[in-house]
């Protein structure tokens, strides 16, 4: 039976998901960090993401946070999906801003988890807060892999 450290497994799960994630890649997102129950993803606001108010459409900010949520809650080799998500917008994102979504696990019990994601601009101003509730489903990214230690 193969063994990995928890950090190695989190990175392997992220790579497996990223290789199939056309939505995140198509929006120019990049994973900058991943660990068990955590992920950090960046995205630059392009012209196509700006709404009629001249600010980033909230759906793109939600999508960035949702992607960070997905990589955080799938970091332990269990396939996990979103069950419920909410977002609160605090400040606008603007054309050219480089956004950073930082996801961290707040709670994980049984098949359910809660994750908090903060979204910052390049000046480290928090522009949104996202909370995601996850639910484990059947399947693993790497069947039979055990965590060392």
N, C-alpha and C. Protein backbone atom coordinates (compact mmCIF):
# COMPACT_ATOMS: atom_id res chain seq x y z
N UNK A 1 0.84 -1.17 0.00
CA UNK A 1 0.00 0.00 0.00
C UNK A 1 0.89 1.25 0.00
N UNK A 2 0.59 2.18 -0.87
CA UNK A 2 1.38 3.41 -0.99
C UNK A 2 1.10 4.34 0.19
N UNK A 3 2.14 5.09 0.59
CA UNK A 3 2.00 6.06 1.67
C UNK A 3 2.53 7.40 1.20
N UNK A 4 1.89 8.46 1.67
CA UNK A 4 2.31 9.83 1.39
C UNK A 4 2.15 10.64 2.67
N UNK A 5 2.91 11.73 2.76
CA UNK A 5 2.63 12.66 3.85
C UNK A 5 1.32 13.36 3.53
N UNK A 6 0.72 13.98 4.53
CA UNK A 6 -0.54 14.70 4.32
C UNK A 6 -0.35 15.83 3.31
N UNK A 7 0.79 16.53 3.37
CA UNK A 7 1.05 17.61 2.42
C UNK A 7 1.25 17.08 1.00
N UNK A 8 1.96 15.96 0.86
CA UNK A 8 2.15 15.36 -0.47
C UNK A 8 0.81 14.94 -1.06
N UNK A 9 -0.03 14.34 -0.23
CA UNK A 9 -1.35 13.90 -0.70
C UNK A 9 -2.21 15.10 -1.10
N UNK A 10 -2.17 16.17 -0.32
CA UNK A 10 -2.94 17.37 -0.67
C UNK A 10 -2.49 17.92 -2.02
N UNK A 11 -1.17 17.98 -2.26
CA UNK A 11 -0.67 18.48 -3.55
C UNK A 11 -1.04 17.54 -4.70
N UNK A 12 -0.99 16.23 -4.45
CA UNK A 12 -1.37 15.26 -5.49
C UNK A 12 -2.85 15.36 -5.84
N UNK A 13 -3.70 15.53 -4.83
CA UNK A 13 -5.14 15.69 -5.07
C UNK A 13 -5.40 16.97 -5.85
N UNK A 14 -4.70 18.05 -5.49
CA UNK A 14 -4.87 19.32 -6.21
C UNK A 14 -4.48 19.16 -7.67
N UNK A 15 -3.37 18.48 -7.92
CA UNK A 15 -2.94 18.29 -9.32
C UNK A 15 -3.96 17.46 -10.09
N UNK A 16 -4.46 16.40 -9.47
CA UNK A 16 -5.46 15.56 -10.14
C UNK A 16 -6.71 16.36 -10.48
N UNK A 17 -7.15 17.20 -9.56
CA UNK A 17 -8.33 18.03 -9.83
C UNK A 17 -8.02 19.10 -10.88
N UNK A 18 -6.86 19.76 -10.74
CA UNK A 18 -6.49 20.85 -11.65
C UNK A 18 -6.42 20.35 -13.09
N UNK A 19 -5.90 19.15 -13.28
CA UNK A 19 -5.76 18.60 -14.62
C UNK A 19 -7.10 18.46 -15.33
N UNK A 20 -8.20 18.41 -14.59
CA UNK A 20 -9.54 18.27 -15.16
C UNK A 20 -10.37 19.54 -15.03
N UNK A 21 -9.84 20.57 -14.39
CA UNK A 21 -10.62 21.78 -14.07
C UNK A 21 -10.46 22.82 -15.17
N UNK A 22 -11.27 22.74 -16.18
CA UNK A 22 -11.20 23.68 -17.31
C UNK A 22 -11.75 25.05 -16.92
N UNK A 23 -12.70 25.10 -15.99
CA UNK A 23 -13.30 26.38 -15.59
C UNK A 23 -12.27 27.28 -14.91
N UNK A 24 -11.60 26.78 -13.89
CA UNK A 24 -10.62 27.59 -13.16
C UNK A 24 -9.48 28.01 -14.06
N UNK A 25 -8.95 27.07 -14.81
CA UNK A 25 -7.84 27.39 -15.72
C UNK A 25 -8.28 28.38 -16.79
N UNK A 26 -9.50 28.21 -17.30
CA UNK A 26 -10.00 29.09 -18.35
C UNK A 26 -10.19 30.53 -17.89
N UNK A 27 -10.35 30.73 -16.59
CA UNK A 27 -10.49 32.07 -16.04
C UNK A 27 -9.14 32.65 -15.60
N UNK A 28 -8.07 31.91 -15.88
CA UNK A 28 -6.74 32.41 -15.55
C UNK A 28 -6.34 32.22 -14.10
N UNK A 29 -7.01 31.35 -13.39
CA UNK A 29 -6.66 31.09 -12.00
C UNK A 29 -5.36 30.31 -11.91
N UNK A 30 -4.69 30.44 -10.76
CA UNK A 30 -3.48 29.68 -10.48
C UNK A 30 -3.50 29.28 -9.01
N UNK A 31 -3.14 28.05 -8.74
CA UNK A 31 -3.01 27.58 -7.35
C UNK A 31 -1.64 28.04 -6.86
N UNK A 32 -1.63 28.76 -5.75
CA UNK A 32 -0.36 29.22 -5.19
C UNK A 32 0.04 28.46 -3.93
N UNK A 33 -0.91 27.78 -3.29
CA UNK A 33 -0.60 26.97 -2.11
C UNK A 33 -1.73 25.99 -1.88
N UNK A 34 -1.36 24.82 -1.37
CA UNK A 34 -2.36 23.83 -0.97
C UNK A 34 -1.76 22.99 0.15
N UNK A 35 -2.58 22.67 1.13
CA UNK A 35 -2.21 21.83 2.26
C UNK A 35 -3.50 21.18 2.75
N UNK A 36 -3.42 20.22 3.66
CA UNK A 36 -4.65 19.60 4.14
C UNK A 36 -5.63 20.64 4.69
N UNK A 37 -6.81 20.71 4.08
CA UNK A 37 -7.84 21.64 4.52
C UNK A 37 -7.61 23.09 4.15
N UNK A 38 -6.63 23.35 3.28
CA UNK A 38 -6.30 24.72 2.93
C UNK A 38 -5.96 24.83 1.45
N UNK A 39 -6.20 26.01 0.89
CA UNK A 39 -5.78 26.29 -0.49
C UNK A 39 -5.74 27.79 -0.69
N UNK A 40 -4.89 28.20 -1.61
CA UNK A 40 -4.81 29.61 -2.00
C UNK A 40 -4.75 29.67 -3.51
N UNK A 41 -5.63 30.49 -4.10
CA UNK A 41 -5.72 30.59 -5.56
C UNK A 41 -5.77 32.07 -5.93
N UNK A 42 -5.14 32.42 -7.05
CA UNK A 42 -5.15 33.80 -7.53
C UNK A 42 -5.85 33.88 -8.88
N UNK A 43 -6.32 35.10 -9.20
CA UNK A 43 -6.95 35.38 -10.49
C UNK A 43 -6.88 36.88 -10.73
N UNK A 44 -6.53 37.28 -11.94
CA UNK A 44 -6.50 38.69 -12.31
C UNK A 44 -7.80 39.04 -13.02
N UNK A 45 -8.40 40.17 -12.64
CA UNK A 45 -9.66 40.59 -13.24
C UNK A 45 -9.39 41.15 -14.64
N UNK A 46 -10.00 40.49 -15.62
CA UNK A 46 -9.84 40.89 -17.03
C UNK A 46 -11.03 41.74 -17.47
N UNK A 47 -10.93 42.31 -18.67
CA UNK A 47 -12.03 43.12 -19.21
C UNK A 47 -13.33 42.33 -19.30
N UNK A 48 -13.22 41.05 -19.62
CA UNK A 48 -14.42 40.21 -19.77
C UNK A 48 -15.14 39.98 -18.43
N UNK A 49 -14.49 40.30 -17.31
CA UNK A 49 -15.06 40.08 -15.98
C UNK A 49 -15.70 41.33 -15.38
N UNK A 50 -15.61 42.46 -16.09
CA UNK A 50 -16.11 43.73 -15.57
C UNK A 50 -17.57 43.92 -15.98
N UNK A 51 -18.40 44.35 -15.01
CA UNK A 51 -19.83 44.52 -15.26
C UNK A 51 -20.17 45.96 -15.65
N UNK A 52 -21.45 46.27 -15.72
CA UNK A 52 -21.93 47.59 -16.13
C UNK A 52 -21.62 48.70 -15.14
N UNK A 53 -21.17 48.37 -13.96
CA UNK A 53 -20.75 49.37 -12.97
C UNK A 53 -19.26 49.65 -13.05
N UNK A 54 -18.56 48.94 -13.95
CA UNK A 54 -17.12 49.12 -14.07
C UNK A 54 -16.33 48.38 -13.01
N UNK A 55 -16.99 47.43 -12.33
CA UNK A 55 -16.32 46.62 -11.31
C UNK A 55 -16.44 45.15 -11.68
N UNK A 56 -15.70 44.33 -10.97
CA UNK A 56 -15.74 42.89 -11.25
C UNK A 56 -17.13 42.34 -10.93
N UNK A 57 -17.70 41.60 -11.85
CA UNK A 57 -18.98 40.92 -11.62
C UNK A 57 -18.81 39.98 -10.44
N UNK A 58 -19.76 40.01 -9.51
CA UNK A 58 -19.68 39.19 -8.31
C UNK A 58 -19.57 37.71 -8.57
N UNK A 59 -20.12 37.26 -9.69
CA UNK A 59 -20.04 35.84 -10.03
C UNK A 59 -18.61 35.35 -10.21
N UNK A 60 -17.74 36.22 -10.71
CA UNK A 60 -16.34 35.83 -10.88
C UNK A 60 -15.63 35.75 -9.53
N UNK A 61 -15.97 36.66 -8.63
CA UNK A 61 -15.38 36.61 -7.28
C UNK A 61 -15.87 35.35 -6.57
N UNK A 62 -17.16 35.05 -6.71
CA UNK A 62 -17.73 33.82 -6.15
C UNK A 62 -17.02 32.60 -6.72
N UNK A 63 -16.79 32.59 -8.02
CA UNK A 63 -16.14 31.45 -8.68
C UNK A 63 -14.72 31.25 -8.17
N UNK A 64 -13.98 32.33 -7.99
CA UNK A 64 -12.63 32.22 -7.43
C UNK A 64 -12.68 31.61 -6.04
N UNK A 65 -13.57 32.10 -5.20
CA UNK A 65 -13.70 31.56 -3.85
C UNK A 65 -14.15 30.11 -3.87
N UNK A 66 -15.08 29.77 -4.76
CA UNK A 66 -15.57 28.40 -4.88
C UNK A 66 -14.46 27.46 -5.31
N UNK A 67 -13.58 27.91 -6.18
CA UNK A 67 -12.45 27.07 -6.59
C UNK A 67 -11.50 26.83 -5.43
N UNK A 68 -11.19 27.87 -4.66
CA UNK A 68 -10.32 27.69 -3.49
C UNK A 68 -10.98 26.73 -2.49
N UNK A 69 -12.27 26.88 -2.29
CA UNK A 69 -13.05 25.97 -1.44
C UNK A 69 -12.91 24.53 -1.93
N UNK A 70 -13.06 24.32 -3.22
CA UNK A 70 -12.99 22.97 -3.78
C UNK A 70 -11.63 22.33 -3.54
N UNK A 71 -10.55 23.09 -3.76
CA UNK A 71 -9.22 22.51 -3.57
C UNK A 71 -8.94 22.26 -2.09
N UNK A 72 -9.46 23.09 -1.20
CA UNK A 72 -9.26 22.87 0.24
C UNK A 72 -10.02 21.63 0.72
N UNK A 73 -11.28 21.49 0.31
CA UNK A 73 -12.08 20.39 0.85
C UNK A 73 -11.81 19.06 0.16
N UNK A 74 -11.09 19.07 -0.96
CA UNK A 74 -10.70 17.82 -1.63
C UNK A 74 -9.25 17.45 -1.36
N UNK A 75 -8.64 18.05 -0.36
CA UNK A 75 -7.20 17.88 -0.12
C UNK A 75 -6.82 16.63 0.66
N UNK A 76 -7.80 15.86 1.07
CA UNK A 76 -7.51 14.68 1.89
C UNK A 76 -7.85 13.36 1.19
N UNK A 77 -7.93 13.40 -0.13
CA UNK A 77 -8.14 12.20 -0.95
C UNK A 77 -9.57 11.69 -0.94
N UNK A 78 -10.51 12.44 -0.39
CA UNK A 78 -11.92 12.06 -0.44
C UNK A 78 -12.61 13.02 -1.41
N UNK A 79 -13.33 12.48 -2.36
CA UNK A 79 -14.07 13.34 -3.29
C UNK A 79 -15.17 14.05 -2.52
N UNK A 80 -15.18 15.37 -2.68
CA UNK A 80 -16.07 16.22 -1.88
C UNK A 80 -16.67 17.28 -2.78
N UNK A 81 -17.93 17.59 -2.56
CA UNK A 81 -18.64 18.59 -3.37
C UNK A 81 -19.24 19.65 -2.46
N UNK A 82 -19.63 20.75 -3.07
CA UNK A 82 -20.29 21.83 -2.33
C UNK A 82 -21.73 21.44 -2.05
N UNK A 83 -22.16 21.71 -0.85
CA UNK A 83 -23.55 21.47 -0.46
C UNK A 83 -24.29 22.81 -0.34
N UNK A 84 -23.58 23.82 0.13
CA UNK A 84 -24.16 25.16 0.28
C UNK A 84 -23.01 26.16 0.34
N UNK A 85 -23.21 27.31 -0.28
CA UNK A 85 -22.20 28.37 -0.27
C UNK A 85 -22.89 29.72 -0.14
N UNK A 86 -22.19 30.65 0.51
CA UNK A 86 -22.68 32.03 0.57
C UNK A 86 -21.49 32.97 0.48
N UNK A 87 -21.76 34.17 -0.02
CA UNK A 87 -20.70 35.16 -0.15
C UNK A 87 -21.23 36.52 0.31
N UNK A 88 -20.35 37.28 0.94
CA UNK A 88 -20.64 38.66 1.29
C UNK A 88 -19.57 39.52 0.65
N UNK A 89 -20.00 40.47 -0.17
CA UNK A 89 -19.07 41.38 -0.85
C UNK A 89 -18.81 42.58 0.05
N UNK A 90 -17.55 42.90 0.25
CA UNK A 90 -17.16 43.99 1.14
C UNK A 90 -16.67 45.22 0.40
N UNK A 91 -16.03 45.00 -0.74
CA UNK A 91 -15.47 46.10 -1.55
C UNK A 91 -15.40 45.60 -2.98
N UNK A 92 -15.40 46.50 -3.95
CA UNK A 92 -15.37 46.07 -5.35
C UNK A 92 -13.99 45.59 -5.79
N UNK A 93 -14.00 44.66 -6.74
CA UNK A 93 -12.79 44.32 -7.46
C UNK A 93 -12.79 45.16 -8.73
N UNK A 94 -11.61 45.53 -9.19
CA UNK A 94 -11.52 46.42 -10.35
C UNK A 94 -10.66 45.79 -11.44
N UNK A 95 -10.87 46.25 -12.65
CA UNK A 95 -10.10 45.77 -13.80
C UNK A 95 -8.61 45.79 -13.47
N UNK A 96 -7.94 44.67 -13.69
CA UNK A 96 -6.51 44.55 -13.46
C UNK A 96 -6.13 44.12 -12.05
N UNK A 97 -7.09 44.13 -11.11
CA UNK A 97 -6.78 43.67 -9.76
C UNK A 97 -6.37 42.21 -9.79
N UNK A 98 -5.38 41.86 -8.99
CA UNK A 98 -4.99 40.46 -8.81
C UNK A 98 -5.61 40.00 -7.49
N UNK A 99 -6.62 39.15 -7.60
CA UNK A 99 -7.33 38.66 -6.42
C UNK A 99 -6.68 37.39 -5.91
N UNK A 100 -6.78 37.22 -4.58
CA UNK A 100 -6.23 36.04 -3.91
C UNK A 100 -7.29 35.50 -2.97
N UNK A 101 -7.67 34.25 -3.18
CA UNK A 101 -8.65 33.58 -2.32
C UNK A 101 -7.91 32.62 -1.40
N UNK A 102 -8.11 32.79 -0.10
CA UNK A 102 -7.43 31.97 0.90
C UNK A 102 -8.49 31.15 1.62
N UNK A 103 -8.44 29.83 1.44
CA UNK A 103 -9.43 28.92 2.01
C UNK A 103 -8.83 28.16 3.18
N UNK A 104 -9.63 28.03 4.23
CA UNK A 104 -9.20 27.24 5.39
C UNK A 104 -10.40 26.50 5.96
N UNK A 105 -10.12 25.31 6.40
CA UNK A 105 -11.14 24.46 6.99
C UNK A 105 -11.50 24.98 8.39
N UNK A 106 -12.78 25.21 8.62
CA UNK A 106 -13.25 25.64 9.93
C UNK A 106 -13.72 24.45 10.76
N UNK A 107 -14.29 23.44 10.09
CA UNK A 107 -14.83 22.27 10.79
C UNK A 107 -14.96 21.12 9.80
N UNK A 108 -14.69 19.91 10.26
CA UNK A 108 -14.92 18.72 9.44
C UNK A 108 -15.33 17.60 10.38
N UNK A 109 -16.56 17.12 10.20
CA UNK A 109 -17.10 16.05 11.03
C UNK A 109 -17.84 15.07 10.13
N UNK A 110 -17.48 13.82 10.20
CA UNK A 110 -18.13 12.82 9.36
C UNK A 110 -17.94 13.17 7.90
N UNK A 111 -19.02 13.26 7.15
CA UNK A 111 -18.96 13.57 5.72
C UNK A 111 -19.13 15.05 5.41
N UNK A 112 -19.28 15.89 6.45
CA UNK A 112 -19.56 17.30 6.24
C UNK A 112 -18.41 18.18 6.71
N UNK A 113 -18.24 19.31 6.02
CA UNK A 113 -17.21 20.27 6.41
C UNK A 113 -17.70 21.69 6.19
N UNK A 114 -17.04 22.61 6.86
CA UNK A 114 -17.30 24.04 6.69
C UNK A 114 -15.96 24.71 6.43
N UNK A 115 -15.94 25.55 5.40
CA UNK A 115 -14.70 26.22 4.97
C UNK A 115 -14.95 27.71 4.85
N UNK A 116 -14.00 28.49 5.34
CA UNK A 116 -14.06 29.94 5.23
C UNK A 116 -13.02 30.39 4.22
N UNK A 117 -13.44 31.23 3.30
CA UNK A 117 -12.56 31.73 2.25
C UNK A 117 -12.61 33.26 2.28
N UNK A 118 -11.44 33.86 2.42
CA UNK A 118 -11.30 35.31 2.35
C UNK A 118 -10.69 35.66 1.00
N UNK A 119 -11.23 36.70 0.36
CA UNK A 119 -10.73 37.14 -0.95
C UNK A 119 -10.14 38.53 -0.77
N UNK A 120 -8.89 38.67 -1.19
CA UNK A 120 -8.14 39.92 -1.05
C UNK A 120 -7.75 40.43 -2.42
N UNK A 121 -7.53 41.75 -2.53
CA UNK A 121 -6.94 42.30 -3.74
C UNK A 121 -5.42 42.38 -3.55
N UNK A 122 -4.73 42.93 -4.53
CA UNK A 122 -3.27 42.97 -4.50
C UNK A 122 -2.73 43.90 -3.40
N UNK A 123 -3.58 44.74 -2.85
CA UNK A 123 -3.17 45.61 -1.74
C UNK A 123 -3.51 45.00 -0.39
N UNK A 124 -3.90 43.73 -0.39
CA UNK A 124 -4.27 42.98 0.81
C UNK A 124 -5.54 43.51 1.48
N UNK A 125 -6.40 44.18 0.69
CA UNK A 125 -7.70 44.62 1.17
C UNK A 125 -8.68 43.47 0.97
N UNK A 126 -9.36 43.07 2.05
CA UNK A 126 -10.35 42.00 1.95
C UNK A 126 -11.57 42.53 1.22
N UNK A 127 -11.92 41.90 0.07
CA UNK A 127 -13.06 42.39 -0.71
C UNK A 127 -14.29 41.49 -0.60
N UNK A 128 -14.11 40.26 -0.08
CA UNK A 128 -15.27 39.37 0.07
C UNK A 128 -14.95 38.28 1.08
N UNK A 129 -16.03 37.76 1.67
CA UNK A 129 -15.95 36.62 2.59
C UNK A 129 -16.93 35.57 2.06
N UNK A 130 -16.47 34.35 1.97
CA UNK A 130 -17.24 33.24 1.42
C UNK A 130 -17.23 32.12 2.46
N UNK A 131 -18.34 31.47 2.65
CA UNK A 131 -18.40 30.28 3.50
C UNK A 131 -19.00 29.15 2.68
N UNK A 132 -18.32 28.02 2.68
CA UNK A 132 -18.79 26.85 1.95
C UNK A 132 -19.01 25.67 2.86
N UNK A 133 -20.12 24.97 2.64
CA UNK A 133 -20.42 23.74 3.35
C UNK A 133 -20.18 22.60 2.36
N UNK A 134 -19.39 21.63 2.76
CA UNK A 134 -19.04 20.53 1.86
C UNK A 134 -19.68 19.22 2.30
N UNK A 135 -19.73 18.31 1.35
CA UNK A 135 -20.26 16.97 1.61
C UNK A 135 -19.41 15.96 0.86
N UNK A 136 -18.85 14.98 1.58
CA UNK A 136 -18.08 13.92 0.93
C UNK A 136 -19.02 13.01 0.15
N UNK A 137 -18.59 12.62 -1.04
CA UNK A 137 -19.32 11.67 -1.86
C UNK A 137 -18.43 10.44 -2.04
N UNK A 138 -18.90 9.47 -2.76
CA UNK A 138 -18.11 8.25 -2.97
C UNK A 138 -16.88 8.52 -3.82
N UNK A 139 -15.80 7.87 -3.48
CA UNK A 139 -14.61 7.90 -4.31
C UNK A 139 -13.43 8.62 -3.69
N UNK A 140 -12.27 8.20 -4.15
CA UNK A 140 -11.01 8.80 -3.76
C UNK A 140 -10.22 9.13 -5.02
N UNK A 141 -9.32 10.08 -4.92
CA UNK A 141 -8.44 10.39 -6.04
C UNK A 141 -7.40 9.29 -6.22
N UNK A 142 -6.90 8.77 -5.09
CA UNK A 142 -5.86 7.76 -5.10
C UNK A 142 -6.27 6.63 -4.16
N UNK A 143 -7.07 5.67 -4.67
CA UNK A 143 -7.55 4.57 -3.83
C UNK A 143 -6.39 3.80 -3.18
N UNK A 144 -6.54 3.56 -1.90
CA UNK A 144 -5.56 2.75 -1.18
C UNK A 144 -4.37 3.52 -0.62
N UNK A 145 -4.24 4.80 -0.92
CA UNK A 145 -3.12 5.57 -0.41
C UNK A 145 -3.38 5.90 1.07
N UNK A 146 -2.37 5.68 1.90
CA UNK A 146 -2.47 6.01 3.32
C UNK A 146 -1.59 7.21 3.64
N UNK A 147 -2.00 7.96 4.65
CA UNK A 147 -1.21 9.10 5.10
C UNK A 147 -0.19 8.61 6.11
N UNK A 148 1.07 8.99 5.92
CA UNK A 148 2.14 8.64 6.85
C UNK A 148 1.95 9.39 8.15
N UNK A 149 2.36 8.72 9.26
CA UNK A 149 2.40 9.39 10.57
C UNK A 149 1.11 9.41 11.19
